Amino acid sequence: MDIAEATAVEIIGAAAIHLMSAAAVKCGLAPDEDGVRGEDLKDLAEARKLITALAGLVTAGAPEIGDRHARPLRDGLRSLQLAFREASTFPDAPGEGPGEKWTGPVR
């Protein structure tokens, strides 16, 4: 993608996809490849940071990019927040999970 020709929606979407992909890996959701288990890549401290950054981007960007573009980003964010909760040995209290400062409690 040539940055000079990309729209704001495309750039925000690409940034969100990178954050989502990295967060999924850090939640242990990467596929097993070349003798490395996805579970072995889990790092919930890193996942928390990525999900929180994603929540800020999606929350701030949604009014600018419109619901049509924001809805799938919100859905992906919610899925990651739930995956984080499931991967946690001691889940956060409602409203205290990654990004929930921006999204509210995720159930």
Protein backbone atom coordinates (compact mmCIF):
# COMPACT_ATOMS: atom_id res chain seq x y z
CA MET A 1 0.00 0.00 0.00
CA ASP A 2 1.39 3.39 -1.01
CA ILE A 3 0.82 5.57 2.03
CA ALA A 4 0.38 8.68 -0.11
CA GLU A 5 -2.57 7.11 -1.91
CA ALA A 6 -4.14 5.27 1.04
CA THR A 7 -7.27 6.60 2.68
CA ALA A 8 -7.54 7.14 6.43
CA VAL A 9 -9.91 4.16 6.62
CA GLU A 10 -7.29 1.93 4.98
CA ILE A 11 -4.51 3.09 7.27
CA ILE A 12 -6.58 2.77 10.43
CA GLY A 13 -7.79 -0.66 9.31
CA ALA A 14 -4.25 -1.84 8.55
CA ALA A 15 -2.99 -0.64 11.94
CA ALA A 16 -5.88 -2.40 13.65
CA ILE A 17 -5.20 -5.66 11.78
CA HIS A 18 -1.53 -5.57 12.83
CA LEU A 19 -2.52 -5.03 16.47
CA MET A 20 -5.14 -7.80 16.25
CA SER A 21 -2.71 -10.27 14.70
CA ALA A 22 -0.01 -9.57 17.27
CA ALA A 23 -2.50 -9.78 20.14
CA ALA A 24 -3.84 -13.11 18.88
CA VAL A 25 -0.31 -14.54 18.83
CA LYS A 26 0.37 -13.21 22.34
CA CYS A 27 -2.91 -14.78 23.54
CA GLY A 28 -1.55 -18.14 22.37
CA LEU A 29 -3.84 -18.37 19.34
CA ALA A 30 -1.13 -18.71 16.68
CA PRO A 31 -1.22 -21.92 14.65
CA ASP A 32 1.36 -24.57 15.42
CA GLU A 33 4.15 -24.32 12.83
CA ASP A 34 7.65 -25.72 12.33
CA GLY A 35 7.71 -27.44 15.71
CA VAL A 36 6.58 -24.32 17.57
CA ARG A 37 3.25 -24.52 19.34
CA GLY A 38 1.08 -21.42 19.24
CA GLU A 39 0.49 -21.86 22.95
CA ASP A 40 4.25 -21.48 23.55
CA LEU A 41 4.10 -17.95 22.10
CA LYS A 42 1.59 -16.82 24.71
CA ASP A 43 2.58 -13.71 26.65
CA LEU A 44 -0.45 -12.19 28.33
CA ALA A 45 1.40 -9.11 29.58
CA GLU A 46 2.22 -8.23 25.97
CA ALA A 47 -1.29 -9.20 24.81
CA ARG A 48 -2.80 -6.83 27.37
CA LYS A 49 -0.81 -3.89 25.95
CA LEU A 50 -1.71 -4.72 22.37
CA ILE A 51 -5.43 -5.17 23.12
CA THR A 52 -5.53 -1.93 25.08
CA ALA A 53 -3.87 -0.06 22.21
CA LEU A 54 -6.31 -1.65 19.77
CA ALA A 55 -9.27 -0.63 21.95
CA GLY A 56 -8.04 2.97 22.00
CA LEU A 57 -7.58 3.02 18.22
CA VAL A 58 -10.96 1.46 17.48
CA THR A 59 -12.82 3.62 20.01
CA ALA A 60 -11.22 6.85 18.82
CA GLY A 61 -11.34 5.96 15.15
CA ALA A 62 -14.88 4.59 14.95
CA PRO A 63 -16.66 7.97 14.64
CA GLU A 64 -14.18 9.00 11.95
CA ILE A 65 -14.36 5.86 9.80
CA GLY A 66 -18.05 5.11 10.23
CA ASP A 67 -19.92 2.11 11.54
CA ARG A 68 -19.55 0.07 8.35
CA HIS A 69 -15.77 -0.01 8.79
CA ALA A 70 -15.68 0.10 12.59
CA ARG A 71 -18.08 -2.80 13.24
CA PRO A 72 -15.70 -5.59 12.12
CA LEU A 73 -12.88 -3.97 14.09
CA ARG A 74 -15.07 -3.85 17.20
CA ASP A 75 -16.01 -7.51 16.68
CA GLY A 76 -12.35 -8.52 16.38
CA LEU A 77 -11.46 -6.51 19.46
CA ARG A 78 -14.24 -8.14 21.48
CA SER A 79 -13.10 -11.60 20.36
CA LEU A 80 -9.57 -10.84 21.51
CA GLN A 81 -10.78 -9.49 24.84
CA LEU A 82 -12.73 -12.71 25.39
CA ALA A 83 -9.77 -14.86 24.28
CA PHE A 84 -7.55 -13.00 26.74
CA ARG A 85 -10.04 -13.63 29.54
CA GLU A 86 -10.17 -17.32 28.65
CA ALA A 87 -6.36 -17.61 28.48
CA SER A 88 -5.90 -15.95 31.88
CA THR A 89 -5.34 -18.17 34.88
CA PHE A 90 -6.90 -15.47 37.05
CA PRO A 91 -9.34 -13.48 34.87
CA ASP A 92 -9.69 -9.75 35.50
CA ALA A 93 -12.79 -8.39 37.18
CA PRO A 94 -15.43 -7.12 34.75
CA GLY A 95 -14.33 -3.74 33.42
CA GLU A 96 -10.68 -4.33 34.38
CA GLY A 97 -9.62 -6.43 31.38
CA PRO A 98 -7.45 -5.14 28.54
CA GLY A 99 -9.11 -2.28 26.71
CA GLU A 100 -12.22 -2.34 28.87
CA LYS A 101 -11.42 1.21 30.01
CA TRP A 102 -12.37 2.17 26.43
CA THR A 103 -15.00 -0.46 25.58
CA GLY A 104 -16.69 -1.11 28.90
CA PRO A 105 -16.99 -4.61 30.40
CA VAL A 106 -16.89 -7.44 27.88
CA ARG A 107 -19.02 -10.52 28.43
